[in-house]
Amino acid sequence: MKAVATPLVATFATSIALLMAGTAFAKTPDVVVSIKPIHSLVASIMKGVAEPKLIVEGAASPHTYSMKPSNARAIQNADLIFWMGPNLEAFLDKPLDALAGSKTVVALSDAPDLQKLPFREGGPFEAHDHGDGHGHNHGHDDHAHEGEHGHDHEHGGFDAHVWLDPLNAKVLGREIAKRLVDADPEHAKQYEDNAANLMRQLDELDAEIKTTVAPIKDKPFVVFHDAYQYFEKRYDVTVAGSITVSPESLPGADRISEIHKKVTELGATCVFAEPQFTPKLVNVVLEGTPAKAGTLDPEAATLEEGPDLYFKLMRGIAESMNSCLSGKA
């Protein structure tokens, strides 16, 4: 009897274990994230538990994105949704409002202790007091902000590219971990351990980027649109201006002329394009100047989604700056 009972007991025990595992998996929240950099942080903290879904995939930009039916289904089926907020992903504002409290929606721009910097005017903004992120004139054309972000100042009026400072990424990571633990306490230890590991990695990344950009900190450069002030403030690099304040809207001839003149006057070493947008404007600005062309990818358009993306994104920006501004490119 013992020889028969042992496999039966083992089979029964295995079935119970599988049933319990299935039950645990069913309790794991279905998580959806708006954009790649934030998705990367969420994926890092969920590693070993589940994989979050991403809305803005591939080379798409949240500035110009239109919802797909598959996105709408993902949002409807989600238990927990992470986004930055209407300052960046304006296309999500109404769909998330329509959920009317039926889902847990986390606007990470509201995370405690997150450093938020106000919008700058774009174009040649170096004359403004942006060293401490304060003291800007907010009486300028609000329509420029509506063009860039599809939203006006009623939602906060700050630059939403907060992830371009690893210290902000740590703040976001802590908030993400807290929300995941609240939604899925069964996996709390895994989330907390992953978050602790992420904090260590972000500290190491911060130190690495400081070393990478140190030789080129004082060399002025121009960017396609003003998405980099968090990186600029953290690492003290010299952004002299941006070609456009609205990445989906072409600047006028006066703006192009103004930037072209600024590149010449400042001796800007590089003008950086972005992979999601046409390089034509950058070529016009460069014409007749000794400045070189480079590319920066603040929203990870060229990178594959996943937990490593954030680190590749930040290293890529630092290395592109170093390469172009040091004359290696």
C-alpha atoms as a PDB file:
ATOM      1  CA  MET A   1       0.000   0.000   0.000  1.00  0.00           C
ATOM      2  CA  LYS A   2       2.808   2.369   0.810  1.00  0.00           C
ATOM      3  CA  ALA A   3       4.254   2.039  -2.679  1.00  0.00           C
ATOM      4  CA  VAL A   4       0.856   3.004  -4.159  1.00  0.00           C
ATOM      5  CA  ALA A   5       0.056   5.763  -1.679  1.00  0.00           C
ATOM      6  CA  THR A   6       3.350   7.626  -2.082  1.00  0.00           C
ATOM      7  CA  PRO A   7       2.898   8.602  -5.752  1.00  0.00           C
ATOM      8  CA  LEU A   8      -0.778   9.394  -5.156  1.00  0.00           C
ATOM      9  CA  VAL A   9       0.136  11.690  -2.287  1.00  0.00           C
ATOM     10  CA  ALA A  10       2.904  13.244  -4.385  1.00  0.00           C
ATOM     11  CA  THR A  11       0.526  13.805  -7.286  1.00  0.00           C
ATOM     12  CA  PHE A  12      -2.071  15.359  -4.991  1.00  0.00           C
ATOM     13  CA  ALA A  13       0.567  17.602  -3.398  1.00  0.00           C
ATOM     14  CA  THR A  14       1.806  18.687  -6.812  1.00  0.00           C
ATOM     15  CA  SER A  15      -1.731  19.510  -7.928  1.00  0.00           C
ATOM     16  CA  ILE A  16      -2.302  21.607  -4.803  1.00  0.00           C
ATOM     17  CA  ALA A  17       1.004  23.430  -5.371  1.00  0.00           C
ATOM     18  CA  LEU A  18       0.095  24.193  -8.986  1.00  0.00           C
ATOM     19  CA  LEU A  19      -3.350  25.372  -7.936  1.00  0.00           C
ATOM     20  CA  MET A  20      -1.846  27.679  -5.335  1.00  0.00           C
ATOM     21  CA  ALA A  21       0.677  28.994  -7.845  1.00  0.00           C
ATOM     22  CA  GLY A  22      -2.136  29.681 -10.290  1.00  0.00           C
ATOM     23  CA  THR A  23      -4.101  31.486  -7.596  1.00  0.00           C
ATOM     24  CA  ALA A  24      -1.075  33.633  -6.682  1.00  0.00           C
ATOM     25  CA  PHE A  25      -0.512  34.536 -10.329  1.00  0.00           C
ATOM     26  CA  ALA A  26      -4.165  35.496 -10.721  1.00  0.00           C
ATOM     27  CA  LYS A  27      -3.764  37.964  -7.859  1.00  0.00           C
ATOM     28  CA  THR A  28      -0.796  39.662  -9.497  1.00  0.00           C
ATOM     29  CA  PRO A  29      -2.103  42.988 -10.794  1.00  0.00           C
ATOM     30  CA  ASP A  30      -2.290  43.662 -14.508  1.00  0.00           C
ATOM     31  CA  VAL A  31      -0.018  46.708 -14.834  1.00  0.00           C
ATOM     32  CA  VAL A  32       0.031  49.155 -17.740  1.00  0.00           C
ATOM     33  CA  VAL A  33       2.610  51.947 -18.190  1.00  0.00           C
ATOM     34  CA  SER A  34       2.429  54.905 -20.551  1.00  0.00           C
ATOM     35  CA  ILE A  35       5.985  55.525 -21.818  1.00  0.00           C
ATOM     36  CA  LYS A  36       9.248  53.628 -22.170  1.00  0.00           C
ATOM     37  CA  PRO A  37      11.439  55.321 -19.505  1.00  0.00           C
ATOM     38  CA  ILE A  38       8.784  54.837 -16.822  1.00  0.00           C
ATOM     39  CA  HIS A  39       7.974  51.343 -18.079  1.00  0.00           C
ATOM     40  CA  SER A  40      11.639  50.457 -17.596  1.00  0.00           C
ATOM     41  CA  LEU A  41      11.538  51.488 -13.927  1.00  0.00           C
ATOM     42  CA  VAL A  42       8.293  49.575 -13.367  1.00  0.00           C
ATOM     43  CA  ALA A  43       9.705  46.501 -15.143  1.00  0.00           C
ATOM     44  CA  SER A  44      12.791  46.622 -12.913  1.00  0.00           C
ATOM     45  CA  ILE A  45      10.677  46.573  -9.766  1.00  0.00           C
ATOM     46  CA  MET A  46       8.323  43.876 -11.098  1.00  0.00           C
ATOM     47  CA  LYS A  47      11.187  41.611 -12.196  1.00  0.00           C
ATOM     48  CA  GLY A  48      10.493  38.022 -11.171  1.00  0.00           C
ATOM     49  CA  VAL A  49       6.788  38.714 -10.597  1.00  0.00           C
ATOM     50  CA  ALA A  50       5.229  39.814 -13.896  1.00  0.00           C
ATOM     51  CA  GLU A  51       5.839  42.083 -16.882  1.00  0.00           C
ATOM     52  CA  PRO A  52       4.035  45.414 -17.247  1.00  0.00           C
ATOM     53  CA  LYS A  53       2.423  46.371 -20.555  1.00  0.00           C
ATOM     54  CA  LEU A  54       3.555  49.451 -22.491  1.00  0.00           C
ATOM     55  CA  ILE A  55       1.319  51.915 -24.339  1.00  0.00           C
ATOM     56  CA  VAL A  56       3.698  54.148 -26.360  1.00  0.00           C
ATOM     57  CA  GLU A  57       5.774  51.509 -28.124  1.00  0.00           C
ATOM     58  CA  GLY A  58       8.567  51.648 -30.670  1.00  0.00           C
ATOM     59  CA  ALA A  59       9.701  55.025 -31.957  1.00  0.00           C
ATOM     60  CA  ALA A  60       6.427  56.794 -31.148  1.00  0.00           C
ATOM     61  CA  SER A  61       6.501  59.978 -29.067  1.00  0.00           C
ATOM     62  CA  PRO A  62       4.013  60.819 -26.302  1.00  0.00           C
ATOM     63  CA  HIS A  63       3.926  64.354 -27.715  1.00  0.00           C
ATOM     64  CA  THR A  64       2.236  63.167 -30.909  1.00  0.00           C
ATOM     65  CA  TYR A  65       0.744  59.796 -29.965  1.00  0.00           C
ATOM     66  CA  SER A  66      -2.800  58.673 -30.856  1.00  0.00           C
ATOM     67  CA  MET A  67      -4.521  55.903 -28.926  1.00  0.00           C
ATOM     68  CA  LYS A  68      -4.951  52.524 -30.622  1.00  0.00           C
ATOM     69  CA  PRO A  69      -7.785  50.069 -29.936  1.00  0.00           C
ATOM     70  CA  SER A  70      -5.233  47.709 -28.337  1.00  0.00           C
ATOM     71  CA  ASN A  71      -4.216  50.515 -25.949  1.00  0.00           C
ATOM     72  CA  ALA A  72      -7.832  51.097 -24.971  1.00  0.00           C
ATOM     73  CA  ARG A  73      -8.273  47.377 -24.268  1.00  0.00           C
ATOM     74  CA  ALA A  74      -5.093  47.272 -22.189  1.00  0.00           C
ATOM     75  CA  ILE A  75      -6.286  50.204 -20.090  1.00  0.00           C
ATOM     76  CA  GLN A  76      -9.730  48.666 -19.614  1.00  0.00           C
ATOM     77  CA  ASN A  77      -8.202  45.361 -18.474  1.00  0.00           C
ATOM     78  CA  ALA A  78      -5.561  46.929 -16.211  1.00  0.00           C
ATOM     79  CA  ASP A  79      -5.644  46.895 -12.431  1.00  0.00           C
ATOM     80  CA  LEU A  80      -2.889  49.485 -12.038  1.00  0.00           C
ATOM     81  CA  ILE A  81      -1.876  52.204 -14.518  1.00  0.00           C
ATOM     82  CA  PHE A  82       1.259  54.342 -14.284  1.00  0.00           C
ATOM     83  CA  TRP A  83       1.671  57.541 -16.308  1.00  0.00           C
ATOM     84  CA  MET A  84       3.513  60.817 -15.805  1.00  0.00           C
ATOM     85  CA  GLY A  85       0.397  62.960 -16.124  1.00  0.00           C
ATOM     86  CA  PRO A  86      -1.390  65.280 -18.572  1.00  0.00           C
ATOM     87  CA  ASN A  87       1.638  67.560 -18.944  1.00  0.00           C
ATOM     88  CA  LEU A  88       3.257  64.852 -21.073  1.00  0.00           C
ATOM     89  CA  GLU A  89       0.740  62.205 -22.155  1.00  0.00           C
ATOM     90  CA  ALA A  90      -2.196  64.461 -23.001  1.00  0.00           C
ATOM     91  CA  PHE A  91      -3.663  61.701 -25.194  1.00  0.00           C
ATOM     92  CA  LEU A  92      -4.338  59.667 -22.033  1.00  0.00           C
ATOM     93  CA  ASP A  93      -6.096  62.409 -20.078  1.00  0.00           C
ATOM     94  CA  LYS A  94      -9.684  61.750 -21.221  1.00  0.00           C
ATOM     95  CA  PRO A  95      -9.413  57.937 -21.438  1.00  0.00           C
ATOM     96  CA  LEU A  96      -8.127  57.759 -17.861  1.00  0.00           C
ATOM     97  CA  ASP A  97     -10.721  60.235 -16.619  1.00  0.00           C
ATOM     98  CA  ALA A  98     -13.390  58.008 -18.157  1.00  0.00           C
ATOM     99  CA  LEU A  99     -12.340  55.116 -15.911  1.00  0.00           C
ATOM    100  CA  ALA A 100     -14.003  57.053 -13.063  1.00  0.00           C
ATOM    101  CA  GLY A 101     -12.216  55.388 -10.177  1.00  0.00           C
ATOM    102  CA  SER A 102     -12.670  51.833 -11.420  1.00  0.00           C
ATOM    103  CA  LYS A 103      -8.887  51.422 -11.729  1.00  0.00           C
ATOM    104  CA  THR A 104      -5.882  52.559  -9.714  1.00  0.00           C
ATOM    105  CA  VAL A 105      -4.315  55.289 -11.828  1.00  0.00           C
ATOM    106  CA  VAL A 106      -1.004  56.728 -10.615  1.00  0.00           C
ATOM    107  CA  ALA A 107       0.199  60.065 -12.007  1.00  0.00           C
ATOM    108  CA  LEU A 108       3.881  59.836 -11.117  1.00  0.00           C
ATOM    109  CA  SER A 109       4.313  63.581 -11.495  1.00  0.00           C
ATOM    110  CA  ASP A 110       2.563  63.747  -8.093  1.00  0.00           C
ATOM    111  CA  ALA A 111       5.176  61.551  -6.374  1.00  0.00           C
ATOM    112  CA  PRO A 112       6.359  63.084  -3.078  1.00  0.00           C
ATOM    113  CA  ASP A 113       9.804  64.765  -3.204  1.00  0.00           C
ATOM    114  CA  LEU A 114       9.928  64.760  -7.009  1.00  0.00           C
ATOM    115  CA  GLN A 115      11.913  67.719  -8.316  1.00  0.00           C
ATOM    116  CA  LYS A 116       9.807  69.558 -10.903  1.00  0.00           C
ATOM    117  CA  LEU A 117      11.154  72.442 -12.983  1.00  0.00           C
ATOM    118  CA  PRO A 118       8.924  75.020 -14.713  1.00  0.00           C
ATOM    119  CA  PHE A 119       8.758  75.334 -18.478  1.00  0.00           C
ATOM    120  CA  ARG A 120      11.303  77.523 -20.198  1.00  0.00           C
ATOM    121  CA  GLU A 121      10.550  79.608 -23.246  1.00  0.00           C
ATOM    122  CA  GLY A 122      12.479  77.418 -25.641  1.00  0.00           C
ATOM    123  CA  GLY A 123      14.666  78.856 -28.371  1.00  0.00           C
ATOM    124  CA  PRO A 124      17.584  80.849 -26.989  1.00  0.00           C
ATOM    125  CA  PHE A 125      16.708  80.610 -23.323  1.00  0.00           C
ATOM    126  CA  GLU A 126      20.196  81.024 -21.867  1.00  0.00           C
ATOM    127  CA  ALA A 127      19.498  84.628 -20.834  1.00  0.00           C
ATOM    128  CA  HIS A 128      16.851  83.466 -18.356  1.00  0.00           C
ATOM    129  CA  ASP A 129      17.546  82.494 -14.792  1.00  0.00           C
ATOM    130  CA  HIS A 130      17.326  78.736 -15.057  1.00  0.00           C
ATOM    131  CA  GLY A 131      20.245  77.794 -12.857  1.00  0.00           C
ATOM    132  CA  ASP A 132      18.056  76.966  -9.893  1.00  0.00           C
ATOM    133  CA  GLY A 133      14.891  76.075 -11.779  1.00  0.00           C
ATOM    134  CA  HIS A 134      13.096  79.160 -10.462  1.00  0.00           C
ATOM    135  CA  GLY A 135      12.488  82.743 -11.399  1.00  0.00           C
ATOM    136  CA  HIS A 136      11.114  82.197 -14.900  1.00  0.00           C
ATOM    137  CA  ASN A 137       8.632  84.484 -16.517  1.00  0.00           C
ATOM    138  CA  HIS A 138       5.420  82.495 -16.882  1.00  0.00           C
ATOM    139  CA  GLY A 139       3.644  85.320 -18.590  1.00  0.00           C
ATOM    140  CA  HIS A 140       4.824  84.299 -22.042  1.00  0.00           C
ATOM    141  CA  ASP A 141       2.769  82.604 -24.720  1.00  0.00           C
ATOM    142  CA  ASP A 142       0.805  79.796 -23.100  1.00  0.00           C
ATOM    143  CA  HIS A 143      -0.142  78.499 -26.526  1.00  0.00           C
ATOM    144  CA  ALA A 144       3.406  77.270 -26.967  1.00  0.00           C
ATOM    145  CA  HIS A 145       2.839  74.933 -24.032  1.00  0.00           C
ATOM    146  CA  GLU A 146      -0.513  73.824 -25.389  1.00  0.00           C
ATOM    147  CA  GLY A 147       1.218  72.993 -28.682  1.00  0.00           C
ATOM    148  CA  GLU A 148       3.923  70.923 -27.054  1.00  0.00           C
ATOM    149  CA  HIS A 149       1.942  69.035 -24.482  1.00  0.00           C
ATOM    150  CA  GLY A 150      -1.642  69.317 -25.673  1.00  0.00           C
ATOM    151  CA  HIS A 151      -2.507  70.819 -22.312  1.00  0.00           C
ATOM    152  CA  ASP A 152      -2.527  74.163 -20.622  1.00  0.00           C
ATOM    153  CA  HIS A 153      -1.130  75.181 -17.236  1.00  0.00           C
ATOM    154  CA  GLU A 154      -4.098  74.059 -15.188  1.00  0.00           C
ATOM    155  CA  HIS A 155      -2.329  70.742 -14.599  1.00  0.00           C
ATOM    156  CA  GLY A 156       0.845  72.219 -13.143  1.00  0.00           C
ATOM    157  CA  GLY A 157       2.836  73.918 -15.891  1.00  0.00           C
ATOM    158  CA  PHE A 158       6.101  72.035 -15.378  1.00  0.00           C
ATOM    159  CA  ASP A 159       8.537  70.197 -17.627  1.00  0.00           C
ATOM    160  CA  ALA A 160       7.478  66.543 -17.434  1.00  0.00           C
ATOM    161  CA  HIS A 161      10.798  65.000 -18.579  1.00  0.00           C
ATOM    162  CA  VAL A 162      11.652  64.430 -14.924  1.00  0.00           C
ATOM    163  CA  TRP A 163      13.288  61.019 -15.493  1.00  0.00           C
ATOM    164  CA  LEU A 164      16.355  62.669 -17.048  1.00  0.00           C
ATOM    165  CA  ASP A 165      17.758  63.103 -13.545  1.00  0.00           C
ATOM    166  CA  PRO A 166      18.582  59.753 -11.853  1.00  0.00           C
ATOM    167  CA  LEU A 167      17.705  61.265  -8.480  1.00  0.00           C
ATOM    168  CA  ASN A 168      14.181  61.824  -9.795  1.00  0.00           C
ATOM    169  CA  ALA A 169      14.227  58.258 -11.123  1.00  0.00           C
ATOM    170  CA  LYS A 170      14.879  57.113  -7.554  1.00  0.00           C
ATOM    171  CA  VAL A 171      11.860  59.093  -6.345  1.00  0.00           C
ATOM    172  CA  LEU A 172       9.736  57.544  -9.091  1.00  0.00           C
ATOM    173  CA  GLY A 173      11.056  54.080  -8.240  1.00  0.00           C
ATOM    174  CA  ARG A 174      10.096  54.445  -4.587  1.00  0.00           C
ATOM    175  CA  GLU A 175       6.580  55.567  -5.516  1.00  0.00           C
ATOM    176  CA  ILE A 176       6.204  52.728  -8.025  1.00  0.00           C
ATOM    177  CA  ALA A 177       7.327  50.170  -5.451  1.00  0.00           C
ATOM    178  CA  LYS A 178       4.923  51.556  -2.850  1.00  0.00           C
ATOM    179  CA  ARG A 179       1.978  51.359  -5.252  1.00  0.00           C
ATOM    180  CA  LEU A 180       2.875  47.813  -6.320  1.00  0.00           C
ATOM    181  CA  VAL A 181       3.149  46.668  -2.703  1.00  0.00           C
ATOM    182  CA  ASP A 182      -0.250  48.241  -1.944  1.00  0.00           C
ATOM    183  CA  ALA A 183      -1.812  46.502  -4.949  1.00  0.00           C
ATOM    184  CA  ASP A 184      -0.040  43.161  -4.480  1.00  0.00           C
ATOM    185  CA  PRO A 185       1.137  42.656  -0.880  1.00  0.00           C
ATOM    186  CA  GLU A 186       1.741  38.961  -1.566  1.00  0.00           C
ATOM    187  CA  HIS A 187       4.842  39.937  -3.570  1.00  0.00           C
ATOM    188  CA  ALA A 188       5.868  42.827  -1.330  1.00  0.00           C
ATOM    189  CA  LYS A 189       9.317  41.425  -0.520  1.00  0.00           C
ATOM    190  CA  GLN A 190      10.153  40.903  -4.190  1.00  0.00           C
ATOM    191  CA  TYR A 191       9.101  44.437  -5.063  1.00  0.00           C
ATOM    192  CA  GLU A 192      11.039  45.908  -2.134  1.00  0.00           C
ATOM    193  CA  ASP A 193      14.187  43.899  -2.901  1.00  0.00           C
ATOM    194  CA  ASN A 194      14.019  44.892  -6.571  1.00  0.00           C
ATOM    195  CA  ALA A 195      13.499  48.534  -5.622  1.00  0.00           C
ATOM    196  CA  ALA A 196      16.517  48.466  -3.302  1.00  0.00           C
ATOM    197  CA  ASN A 197      18.625  47.006  -6.115  1.00  0.00           C
ATOM    198  CA  LEU A 198      17.318  49.677  -8.500  1.00  0.00           C
ATOM    199  CA  MET A 199      18.334  52.433  -6.054  1.00  0.00           C
ATOM    200  CA  ARG A 200      21.903  51.088  -5.965  1.00  0.00           C
ATOM    201  CA  GLN A 201      22.055  50.890  -9.740  1.00  0.00           C
ATOM    202  CA  LEU A 202      20.783  54.457 -10.104  1.00  0.00           C
ATOM    203  CA  ASP A 203      23.444  55.746  -7.707  1.00  0.00           C
ATOM    204  CA  GLU A 204      26.114  53.976  -9.757  1.00  0.00           C
ATOM    205  CA  LEU A 205      24.641  55.379 -12.978  1.00  0.00           C
ATOM    206  CA  ASP A 206      24.664  58.909 -11.566  1.00  0.00           C
ATOM    207  CA  ALA A 207      28.357  58.669 -10.685  1.00  0.00           C
ATOM    208  CA  GLU A 208      29.159  57.199 -14.110  1.00  0.00           C
ATOM    209  CA  ILE A 209      27.378  59.997 -16.000  1.00  0.00           C
ATOM    210  CA  LYS A 210      29.185  62.668 -13.971  1.00  0.00           C
ATOM    211  CA  THR A 211      32.479  61.173 -15.134  1.00  0.00           C
ATOM    212  CA  THR A 212      31.321  60.905 -18.752  1.00  0.00           C
ATOM    213  CA  VAL A 213      30.201  64.522 -19.124  1.00  0.00           C
ATOM    214  CA  ALA A 214      32.892  66.160 -16.967  1.00  0.00           C
ATOM    215  CA  PRO A 215      35.237  66.954 -19.908  1.00  0.00           C
ATOM    216  CA  ILE A 216      32.528  68.730 -21.948  1.00  0.00           C
ATOM    217  CA  LYS A 217      30.513  70.551 -19.269  1.00  0.00           C
ATOM    218  CA  ASP A 218      31.491  74.038 -20.450  1.00  0.00           C
ATOM    219  CA  LYS A 219      30.899  73.509 -24.184  1.00  0.00           C
ATOM    220  CA  PRO A 220      27.590  75.055 -25.340  1.00  0.00           C
ATOM    221  CA  PHE A 221      25.208  73.122 -27.551  1.00  0.00           C
ATOM    222  CA  VAL A 222      21.697  73.397 -28.991  1.00  0.00           C
ATOM    223  CA  VAL A 223      18.975  70.735 -28.715  1.00  0.00           C
ATOM    224  CA  PHE A 224      15.969  69.998 -30.907  1.00  0.00           C
ATOM    225  CA  HIS A 225      13.444  70.763 -28.177  1.00  0.00           C
ATOM    226  CA  ASP A 226      13.800  71.793 -24.556  1.00  0.00           C
ATOM    227  CA  ALA A 227      13.533  68.375 -22.906  1.00  0.00           C
ATOM    228  CA  TYR A 228      16.868  68.273 -21.116  1.00  0.00           C
ATOM    229  CA  GLN A 229      16.823  70.750 -18.262  1.00  0.00           C
ATOM    230  CA  TYR A 230      16.759  68.007 -15.604  1.00  0.00           C
ATOM    231  CA  PHE A 231      19.881  66.456 -17.119  1.00  0.00           C
ATOM    232  CA  GLU A 232      21.358  69.936 -17.524  1.00  0.00           C
ATOM    233  CA  LYS A 233      20.734  70.890 -13.898  1.00  0.00           C
ATOM    234  CA  ARG A 234      22.007  67.595 -12.500  1.00  0.00           C
ATOM    235  CA  TYR A 235      25.236  67.495 -14.519  1.00  0.00           C
ATOM    236  CA  ASP A 236      25.863  71.199 -15.127  1.00  0.00           C
ATOM    237  CA  VAL A 237      26.119  70.888 -18.913  1.00  0.00           C
ATOM    238  CA  THR A 238      25.702  73.997 -21.082  1.00  0.00           C
ATOM    239  CA  VAL A 239      22.514  73.897 -23.167  1.00  0.00           C
ATOM    240  CA  ALA A 240      22.432  77.183 -25.094  1.00  0.00           C
ATOM    241  CA  GLY A 241      18.957  76.861 -26.562  1.00  0.00           C
ATOM    242  CA  SER A 242      16.430  74.703 -28.391  1.00  0.00           C
ATOM    243  CA  ILE A 243      15.245  74.820 -31.984  1.00  0.00           C
ATOM    244  CA  THR A 244      11.574  74.470 -31.097  1.00  0.00           C
ATOM    245  CA  VAL A 245       9.465  74.525 -27.967  1.00  0.00           C
ATOM    246  CA  SER A 246       6.897  72.214 -29.629  1.00  0.00           C
ATOM    247  CA  PRO A 247       8.399  69.028 -31.075  1.00  0.00           C
ATOM    248  CA  GLU A 248       5.381  68.372 -33.297  1.00  0.00           C
ATOM    249  CA  SER A 249       5.209  71.952 -34.643  1.00  0.00           C
ATOM    250  CA  LEU A 250       7.645  73.521 -37.060  1.00  0.00           C
ATOM    251  CA  PRO A 251       9.225  76.766 -35.797  1.00  0.00           C
ATOM    252  CA  GLY A 252       8.971  79.883 -37.936  1.00  0.00           C
ATOM    253  CA  ALA A 253      11.716  81.448 -40.012  1.00  0.00           C
ATOM    254  CA  ASP A 254      12.432  84.018 -37.290  1.00  0.00           C
ATOM    255  CA  ARG A 255      13.081  81.270 -34.716  1.00  0.00           C
ATOM    256  CA  ILE A 256      15.378  79.401 -37.111  1.00  0.00           C
ATOM    257  CA  SER A 257      17.278  82.595 -37.865  1.00  0.00           C
ATOM    258  CA  GLU A 258      17.574  83.400 -34.174  1.00  0.00           C
ATOM    259  CA  ILE A 259      18.949  79.965 -33.312  1.00  0.00           C
ATOM    260  CA  HIS A 260      21.317  80.012 -36.283  1.00  0.00           C
ATOM    261  CA  LYS A 261      22.684  83.339 -35.062  1.00  0.00           C
ATOM    262  CA  LYS A 262      22.984  82.011 -31.506  1.00  0.00           C
ATOM    263  CA  VAL A 263      24.913  78.940 -32.656  1.00  0.00           C
ATOM    264  CA  THR A 264      27.395  81.226 -34.411  1.00  0.00           C
ATOM    265  CA  GLU A 265      27.696  83.766 -31.580  1.00  0.00           C
ATOM    266  CA  LEU A 266      28.184  81.187 -28.835  1.00  0.00           C
ATOM    267  CA  GLY A 267      30.454  78.960 -30.851  1.00  0.00           C
ATOM    268  CA  ALA A 268      28.109  76.050 -30.133  1.00  0.00           C
ATOM    269  CA  THR A 269      29.978  72.840 -30.849  1.00  0.00           C
ATOM    270  CA  CYS A 270      26.965  70.650 -31.589  1.00  0.00           C
ATOM    271  CA  VAL A 271      23.294  70.796 -32.526  1.00  0.00           C
ATOM    272  CA  PHE A 272      21.400  67.692 -31.448  1.00  0.00           C
ATOM    273  CA  ALA A 273      18.459  66.189 -33.337  1.00  0.00           C
ATOM    274  CA  GLU A 274      16.035  63.570 -31.983  1.00  0.00           C
ATOM    275  CA  PRO A 275      15.257  60.265 -33.725  1.00  0.00           C
ATOM    276  CA  GLN A 276      11.450  60.728 -33.740  1.00  0.00           C
ATOM    277  CA  PHE A 277      11.562  64.002 -35.672  1.00  0.00           C
ATOM    278  CA  THR A 278      12.882  65.114 -39.057  1.00  0.00           C
ATOM    279  CA  PRO A 279      16.526  66.274 -39.035  1.00  0.00           C
ATOM    280  CA  LYS A 280      15.796  68.914 -41.690  1.00  0.00           C
ATOM    281  CA  LEU A 281      15.550  71.746 -39.152  1.00  0.00           C
ATOM    282  CA  VAL A 282      18.849  70.765 -37.576  1.00  0.00           C
ATOM    283  CA  ASN A 283      20.535  70.865 -40.988  1.00  0.00           C
ATOM    284  CA  VAL A 284      19.155  74.365 -41.610  1.00  0.00           C
ATOM    285  CA  VAL A 285      20.457  75.578 -38.253  1.00  0.00           C
ATOM    286  CA  LEU A 286      23.882  74.041 -38.915  1.00  0.00           C
ATOM    287  CA  GLU A 287      24.280  75.496 -42.398  1.00  0.00           C
ATOM    288  CA  GLY A 288      27.234  77.861 -42.591  1.00  0.00           C
ATOM    289  CA  THR A 289      28.430  77.143 -39.030  1.00  0.00           C
ATOM    290  CA  PRO A 290      31.293  74.945 -37.792  1.00  0.00           C
ATOM    291  CA  ALA A 291      28.938  73.101 -35.414  1.00  0.00           C
ATOM    292  CA  LYS A 292      28.434  69.359 -35.804  1.00  0.00           C
ATOM    293  CA  ALA A 293      25.206  67.368 -35.776  1.00  0.00           C
ATOM    294  CA  GLY A 294      24.449  64.795 -33.083  1.00  0.00           C
ATOM    295  CA  THR A 295      21.429  62.877 -31.844  1.00  0.00           C
ATOM    296  CA  LEU A 296      19.873  62.632 -28.386  1.00  0.00           C
ATOM    297  CA  ASP A 297      17.022  60.284 -27.524  1.00  0.00           C
ATOM    298  CA  PRO A 298      15.264  61.586 -24.377  1.00  0.00           C
ATOM    299  CA  GLU A 299      12.228  59.292 -24.722  1.00  0.00           C
ATOM    300  CA  ALA A 300      14.116  56.119 -25.774  1.00  0.00           C
ATOM    301  CA  ALA A 301      12.584  55.942 -29.251  1.00  0.00           C
ATOM    302  CA  THR A 302      15.410  53.747 -30.560  1.00  0.00           C
ATOM    303  CA  LEU A 303      15.689  51.441 -27.552  1.00  0.00           C
ATOM    304  CA  GLU A 304      13.990  48.130 -26.848  1.00  0.00           C
ATOM    305  CA  GLU A 305      11.635  48.223 -23.886  1.00  0.00           C
ATOM    306  CA  GLY A 306      12.548  46.482 -20.658  1.00  0.00           C
ATOM    307  CA  PRO A 307      14.285  46.948 -17.295  1.00  0.00           C
ATOM    308  CA  ASP A 308      17.633  47.871 -18.874  1.00  0.00           C
ATOM    309  CA  LEU A 309      16.203  50.599 -21.092  1.00  0.00           C
ATOM    310  CA  TYR A 310      16.466  53.444 -18.563  1.00  0.00           C
ATOM    311  CA  PHE A 311      20.169  52.859 -18.073  1.00  0.00           C
ATOM    312  CA  LYS A 312      20.837  52.629 -21.822  1.00  0.00           C
ATOM    313  CA  LEU A 313      18.835  55.829 -22.324  1.00  0.00           C
ATOM    314  CA  MET A 314      20.818  57.851 -19.783  1.00  0.00           C
ATOM    315  CA  ARG A 315      24.195  56.461 -20.812  1.00  0.00           C
ATOM    316  CA  GLY A 316      23.309  57.132 -24.449  1.00  0.00           C
ATOM    317  CA  ILE A 317      22.596  60.803 -23.783  1.00  0.00           C
ATOM    318  CA  ALA A 318      25.821  61.255 -21.811  1.00  0.00           C
ATOM    319  CA  GLU A 319      27.924  59.408 -24.379  1.00  0.00           C
ATOM    320  CA  SER A 320      26.380  61.264 -27.340  1.00  0.00           C
ATOM    321  CA  MET A 321      27.125  64.578 -25.686  1.00  0.00           C
ATOM    322  CA  ASN A 322      30.685  63.551 -24.895  1.00  0.00           C
ATOM    323  CA  SER A 323      31.296  62.208 -28.396  1.00  0.00           C
ATOM    324  CA  CYS A 324      29.990  65.223 -30.315  1.00  0.00           C
ATOM    325  CA  LEU A 325      31.204  67.978 -27.984  1.00  0.00           C
ATOM    326  CA  SER A 326      34.685  66.519 -27.615  1.00  0.00           C
ATOM    327  CA  GLY A 327      35.052  66.213 -31.386  1.00  0.00           C
ATOM    328  CA  LYS A 328      35.177  62.402 -31.379  1.00  0.00           C
ATOM    329  CA  ALA A 329      32.072  62.039 -33.547  1.00  0.00           C
END
